[in-house]
Protein backbone atom coordinates (compact mmCIF):
# COMPACT_ATOMS: atom_id res chain seq x y z
CA LEU A 1 -88.40 -106.11 -76.48
CA ARG A 2 -86.46 -104.40 -78.15
CA GLY A 3 -83.52 -106.68 -77.61
CA ILE A 4 -85.42 -110.12 -79.00
CA ILE A 5 -86.36 -108.27 -81.92
CA ALA A 6 -82.47 -107.35 -82.52
CA THR A 7 -81.40 -110.63 -81.64
CA HIS A 8 -84.18 -112.34 -84.67
CA TRP A 9 -84.09 -109.24 -87.48
CA GLY A 10 -81.86 -106.73 -86.45
CA TRP A 11 -81.67 -103.44 -85.01
CA ARG A 12 -82.83 -101.98 -87.86
CA HIS A 13 -86.36 -103.39 -86.82
CA ALA A 14 -85.95 -102.48 -82.88
CA PHE A 15 -85.39 -99.37 -83.56
CA GLY A 16 -88.82 -99.43 -86.31
CA LEU A 17 -90.72 -100.74 -83.78
CA VAL A 18 -90.08 -97.53 -81.59
CA ALA A 19 -91.74 -95.22 -84.02
CA LEU A 20 -95.21 -96.66 -83.70
CA PRO A 21 -96.23 -95.59 -80.22
CA GLY A 22 -96.11 -92.46 -81.69
CA PHE A 23 -97.96 -92.73 -84.51
CA VAL A 24 -100.87 -94.26 -82.40
CA VAL A 25 -100.15 -91.25 -80.01
CA ALA A 26 -100.45 -88.64 -82.66
CA VAL A 27 -103.46 -90.23 -83.37
CA LEU A 28 -105.07 -89.98 -80.29
CA PHE A 29 -103.97 -86.29 -79.70
CA PHE A 30 -106.75 -85.37 -82.43
CA PHE A 31 -109.43 -86.52 -80.25
CA VAL A 32 -107.99 -84.53 -77.13
CA ARG A 33 -110.17 -81.90 -75.80
CA ASP A 34 -108.37 -78.69 -75.21
CA TYR A 35 -109.60 -75.25 -73.82
CA LYS A 36 -109.71 -71.89 -76.21
CA THR A 37 -106.64 -70.22 -76.60
CA VAL A 38 -105.77 -67.24 -74.28
CA SER A 39 -104.71 -64.50 -75.08
CA LEU A 40 -101.66 -62.90 -73.76
CA VAL A 41 -103.03 -60.26 -71.85
CA LYS A 42 -102.22 -59.25 -67.97
CA ASN A 43 -103.92 -57.39 -65.21
CA GLY A 44 -102.66 -53.02 -65.08
CA ASN A 45 -101.42 -52.84 -62.02
CA ASN A 46 -101.46 -49.06 -61.75
CA SER A 47 -103.45 -45.90 -62.21
CA GLU A 48 -102.29 -45.26 -65.59
CA LYS A 49 -102.58 -49.13 -67.05
CA LYS A 50 -105.71 -50.01 -65.77
CA GLY A 51 -107.69 -53.57 -67.36
CA LYS A 52 -105.62 -55.27 -69.48
CA ILE A 53 -102.71 -55.15 -71.18
CA ARG A 54 -100.97 -57.10 -73.74
CA MET A 55 -97.81 -59.11 -72.60
CA GLY A 56 -94.85 -57.78 -74.44
CA LEU A 57 -91.55 -59.67 -75.21
CA LYS A 58 -90.06 -58.68 -71.64
CA ASP A 59 -93.22 -59.72 -69.94
CA ILE A 60 -93.38 -63.13 -71.53
CA VAL A 61 -89.21 -63.57 -70.78
CA ALA A 62 -89.95 -62.95 -67.41
CA GLU A 63 -92.88 -64.72 -66.76
CA PHE A 64 -89.93 -67.64 -67.05
CA VAL A 65 -87.06 -66.07 -65.59
CA GLU A 66 -88.06 -64.27 -62.39
CA ARG A 67 -89.58 -67.55 -61.09
CA PRO A 68 -87.11 -69.47 -58.88
CA SER A 69 -88.88 -72.43 -58.45
CA LEU A 70 -89.76 -72.96 -62.31
CA LEU A 71 -86.34 -72.74 -63.14
CA PHE A 72 -85.39 -75.13 -60.66
CA THR A 73 -88.05 -77.68 -61.39
CA TYR A 74 -87.18 -77.34 -65.14
CA LEU A 75 -83.13 -77.94 -63.90
CA GLY A 76 -84.37 -81.24 -61.60
CA ILE A 77 -86.27 -82.63 -64.41
CA THR A 78 -82.99 -82.37 -66.65
CA GLY A 79 -81.02 -84.25 -64.07
CA VAL A 80 -83.49 -87.26 -63.80
CA VAL A 81 -83.95 -87.69 -67.60
CA PHE A 82 -79.92 -87.78 -67.37
CA VAL A 83 -80.16 -90.46 -65.64
CA THR A 84 -83.49 -92.16 -66.45
CA ASN A 85 -82.23 -92.14 -70.52
CA SER A 86 -78.89 -93.49 -69.04
CA ILE A 87 -80.55 -96.60 -67.53
CA LEU A 88 -82.66 -97.33 -70.93
CA PHE A 89 -79.74 -96.78 -73.05
CA TRP A 90 -76.62 -98.53 -71.22
CA LEU A 91 -79.25 -101.56 -68.60
CA ALA A 92 -79.14 -104.14 -70.94
CA THR A 93 -76.00 -103.95 -72.21
CA TYR A 94 -74.92 -103.77 -68.17
CA PHE A 95 -76.32 -107.41 -67.59
CA ASN A 96 -74.80 -108.67 -71.31
CA ARG A 97 -71.03 -107.62 -70.14
CA MET A 98 -71.23 -107.68 -66.10
CA TYR A 99 -73.62 -111.31 -66.32
CA GLY A 100 -73.24 -112.71 -69.67
CA LEU A 101 -76.70 -112.49 -70.58
CA PRO A 102 -77.09 -112.30 -74.11
CA MET A 103 -79.24 -109.10 -75.48
CA ASP A 104 -82.18 -111.01 -75.97
CA LYS A 105 -82.29 -112.00 -72.48
CA ALA A 106 -80.66 -108.69 -71.12
CA GLY A 107 -83.46 -106.43 -72.78
CA PRO A 108 -86.56 -107.68 -71.26
CA ARG A 109 -84.81 -107.79 -67.95
CA ALA A 110 -83.20 -103.79 -68.16
CA SER A 111 -87.22 -102.87 -69.54
CA LEU A 112 -89.13 -104.31 -66.68
CA VAL A 113 -87.06 -101.95 -64.67
CA MET A 114 -88.26 -98.87 -66.41
CA LEU A 115 -91.68 -100.29 -67.14
CA LEU A 116 -92.31 -99.96 -63.72
CA ALA A 117 -92.60 -95.94 -64.47
CA LEU A 118 -96.68 -97.25 -65.48
CA ILE A 119 -96.88 -97.83 -61.74
CA GLY A 120 -94.81 -95.49 -60.03
CA ALA A 121 -96.21 -92.00 -62.59
CA PRO A 122 -100.06 -92.30 -61.53
CA ILE A 123 -98.95 -93.36 -57.76
CA GLY A 124 -96.62 -90.14 -57.62
CA GLY A 125 -99.63 -88.04 -59.06
CA PHE A 126 -102.03 -89.50 -56.80
CA ILE A 127 -99.63 -88.80 -53.73
CA THR A 128 -99.33 -85.56 -54.70
CA ASP A 129 -102.74 -84.31 -55.33
CA ARG A 130 -103.75 -85.72 -51.94
CA TRP A 131 -100.66 -83.69 -49.95
CA LYS A 132 -101.40 -80.79 -51.64
CA ARG A 133 -104.19 -80.71 -49.92
CA THR A 134 -102.61 -79.68 -46.63
CA ARG A 135 -98.99 -79.02 -48.31
CA PRO A 136 -99.52 -76.27 -50.65
CA ASN A 137 -95.74 -76.87 -52.11
CA ALA A 138 -96.22 -80.46 -52.22
CA ARG A 139 -95.69 -80.48 -56.19
CA LEU A 140 -92.14 -79.88 -55.94
CA LEU A 141 -91.43 -81.63 -52.14
CA PHE A 142 -92.78 -84.62 -53.15
CA PRO A 143 -90.24 -84.87 -56.39
CA ALA A 144 -87.61 -83.93 -54.18
CA ILE A 145 -88.77 -87.09 -52.14
CA SER A 146 -89.46 -89.54 -54.46
CA THR A 147 -85.89 -88.84 -56.55
CA PHE A 148 -84.06 -89.17 -53.48
CA LEU A 149 -85.30 -92.54 -52.81
CA SER A 150 -84.14 -93.37 -56.00
CA ALA A 151 -80.93 -91.89 -55.42
CA ILE A 152 -80.81 -94.51 -52.49
CA PHE A 153 -81.83 -97.28 -54.33
CA LEU A 154 -79.74 -97.03 -57.30
CA PHE A 155 -76.87 -96.44 -55.15
CA LEU A 156 -77.40 -100.03 -53.19
CA ALA A 157 -77.80 -101.15 -56.95
CA PHE A 158 -74.89 -100.49 -58.49
CA VAL A 159 -72.58 -99.48 -55.56
CA VAL A 160 -73.40 -102.12 -52.84
CA PHE A 161 -75.66 -105.02 -54.18
CA SER A 162 -74.90 -107.87 -56.75
CA GLY A 163 -76.91 -110.45 -58.10
CA SER A 164 -80.96 -110.84 -56.92
CA MET A 165 -80.43 -107.82 -54.61
CA GLN A 166 -79.01 -105.47 -56.91
CA TYR A 167 -82.06 -106.30 -59.00
CA VAL A 168 -84.78 -105.66 -56.34
CA MET A 169 -83.12 -102.26 -55.98
CA LEU A 170 -83.46 -101.53 -59.40
CA LEU A 171 -86.98 -102.36 -59.25
CA LEU A 172 -87.96 -100.01 -56.26
CA MET A 173 -85.97 -97.53 -58.01
CA GLY A 174 -88.14 -98.16 -61.53
CA VAL A 175 -91.22 -97.18 -59.56
CA CYS A 176 -89.86 -94.31 -57.38
CA ILE A 177 -88.04 -92.60 -60.36
CA SER A 178 -91.02 -91.91 -62.58
CA ALA A 179 -92.75 -90.50 -59.30
CA PHE A 180 -92.09 -86.90 -59.92
CA ILE A 181 -93.17 -86.75 -63.40
CA PRO A 182 -96.89 -85.86 -62.65
CA ALA A 183 -96.16 -83.38 -59.87
CA ALA A 184 -93.12 -81.91 -61.66
CA ALA A 185 -95.36 -81.17 -64.79
CA ALA A 186 -97.97 -79.50 -63.28
CA VAL A 187 -95.53 -77.26 -62.26
CA THR A 188 -94.12 -76.06 -65.20
CA GLN A 189 -98.07 -75.45 -65.91
CA ASP A 190 -98.90 -73.66 -62.49
CA LEU A 191 -95.83 -71.38 -62.48
CA VAL A 192 -96.71 -69.44 -65.74
CA HIS A 193 -99.07 -67.43 -67.60
CA PRO A 194 -102.17 -69.65 -68.93
CA GLY A 195 -101.09 -68.57 -72.59
CA LEU A 196 -97.79 -69.61 -72.49
CA ARG A 197 -98.08 -72.98 -70.89
CA ALA A 198 -97.44 -74.65 -73.64
CA THR A 199 -94.08 -72.62 -74.39
CA SER A 200 -93.65 -73.94 -70.67
CA TYR A 201 -93.64 -77.70 -71.33
CA ALA A 202 -91.37 -76.99 -74.58
CA ILE A 203 -88.66 -75.64 -72.20
CA ALA A 204 -88.84 -78.05 -70.11
CA VAL A 205 -88.67 -80.59 -72.99
CA VAL A 206 -85.75 -78.49 -74.97
CA ILE A 207 -83.80 -78.45 -71.89
CA GLN A 208 -84.85 -82.20 -70.67
CA ASN A 209 -83.33 -83.12 -74.14
CA LEU A 210 -80.53 -81.24 -74.45
CA LEU A 211 -78.42 -81.23 -71.06
CA GLY A 212 -80.18 -84.37 -70.02
CA SER A 213 -81.14 -87.00 -72.29
CA SER A 214 -78.57 -86.48 -74.97
CA LEU A 215 -75.37 -85.89 -72.46
CA GLY A 216 -76.51 -88.78 -69.76
CA PRO A 217 -75.85 -91.84 -72.55
CA LEU A 218 -72.45 -89.90 -74.28
CA VAL A 219 -71.20 -89.67 -70.14
CA VAL A 220 -71.81 -92.80 -68.87
CA GLY A 221 -70.01 -94.34 -72.13
CA ALA A 222 -67.37 -92.07 -71.99
CA ILE A 223 -66.53 -93.55 -68.16
CA SER A 224 -67.41 -96.50 -69.40
CA ASP A 225 -64.94 -96.71 -72.25
CA LYS A 226 -62.16 -95.29 -69.83
CA HIS A 227 -62.96 -97.11 -66.35
CA GLY A 228 -65.60 -100.10 -67.44
CA ILE A 229 -69.88 -99.98 -67.43
CA GLN A 230 -69.56 -101.11 -63.43
CA GLN A 231 -68.25 -97.11 -62.60
CA GLY A 232 -69.94 -95.61 -65.29
CA MET A 233 -73.35 -96.63 -64.28
CA SER A 234 -72.00 -95.90 -60.52
CA ILE A 235 -72.02 -92.21 -60.99
CA LEU A 236 -75.86 -92.32 -61.81
CA PRO A 237 -77.06 -91.96 -57.69
CA LEU A 238 -75.47 -88.18 -57.61
CA PHE A 239 -77.24 -86.93 -60.22
CA LEU A 240 -80.68 -87.89 -58.90
CA VAL A 241 -79.18 -86.51 -55.24
CA LEU A 242 -78.99 -83.25 -57.19
CA ALA A 243 -82.16 -83.52 -58.92
CA ALA A 244 -84.02 -83.64 -55.59
CA VAL A 245 -81.77 -80.57 -53.89
CA LEU A 246 -82.73 -78.92 -57.11
CA PHE A 247 -86.53 -79.86 -56.71
CA PHE A 248 -86.35 -79.24 -52.80
CA THR A 249 -84.68 -75.93 -53.04
CA GLY A 250 -87.80 -74.48 -55.45
CA SER A 251 -90.59 -75.73 -52.77
CA PHE A 252 -89.33 -73.01 -50.51
CA LYS A 253 -89.90 -70.43 -53.73
CA TYR A 254 -93.11 -71.98 -54.83
CA GLN A 255 -95.92 -70.47 -52.97
CA LYS A 256 -94.39 -67.15 -53.73
CA ASP A 257 -94.18 -67.74 -57.16
CA VAL A 258 -97.54 -69.29 -57.68
CA SER A 259 -98.93 -66.30 -56.07
CA THR A 260 -97.47 -63.91 -58.77
CA VAL A 261 -99.17 -65.95 -61.97
CA GLU A 262 -101.91 -63.97 -64.28
CA GLU A 263 -105.36 -65.31 -62.90
CA ILE A 264 -107.25 -65.95 -66.19
CA PRO A 265 -110.40 -67.88 -66.61
CA LEU A 266 -110.54 -71.18 -69.36
CA GLU A 267 -113.10 -72.20 -70.92
CA ALA A 268 -113.86 -75.17 -72.96
CA ARG A 269 -113.84 -75.32 -76.59
């Protein structure tokens, strides 16, 4: 869609269109139900400090740095976002340069790959919820598996195949690469005090934007300038393998870490 609009009306209109979904979502959030704000307190763990104790800065920082599986999750998400943003940014250009497709045709062809996230994400959430009934660390184990499968499909697409088979591999990757999202997002909430859940997700977003969203297109672009866009895109499976390893490593720590989270009852507004 962006390519079609850019071809007919210019890039300014294409980028302007991107803002519209954000406005719609912002309005919808006014109608989302939330639970009451949770006080930052914890249970006293010795005879001198019984009952509820207000959390200090040291306690808050500890919520994020003393749970390895949470840190691995932040970094795993960042690795996947590094790849997804690079694909969003460069795939249409790849089709344009490698196959000579005009941008109004290359754009929709590239968009369909990432549009499959609409399928992959809910499927990933469903599978994870079912698996978690028998496997407590499924929320990190499933992202490890789905991300590794994405790495395989992406490797086959950019290193092994070309033409129609390449596009089939990209479509399969499009489904798998978004499947981790529900599980990984849930982990950012599972592993912190309920009063810090928004902060936890904010940290995930900041890290993924600083190290993933912003760096991915730059790295691929730099390699493309020196060695060509084929080589630039061919490095992306490595980052997915790294992300899969991070999720997998975090899965071994998940149960221990989640058992240390403060249990606070939540009340609906």
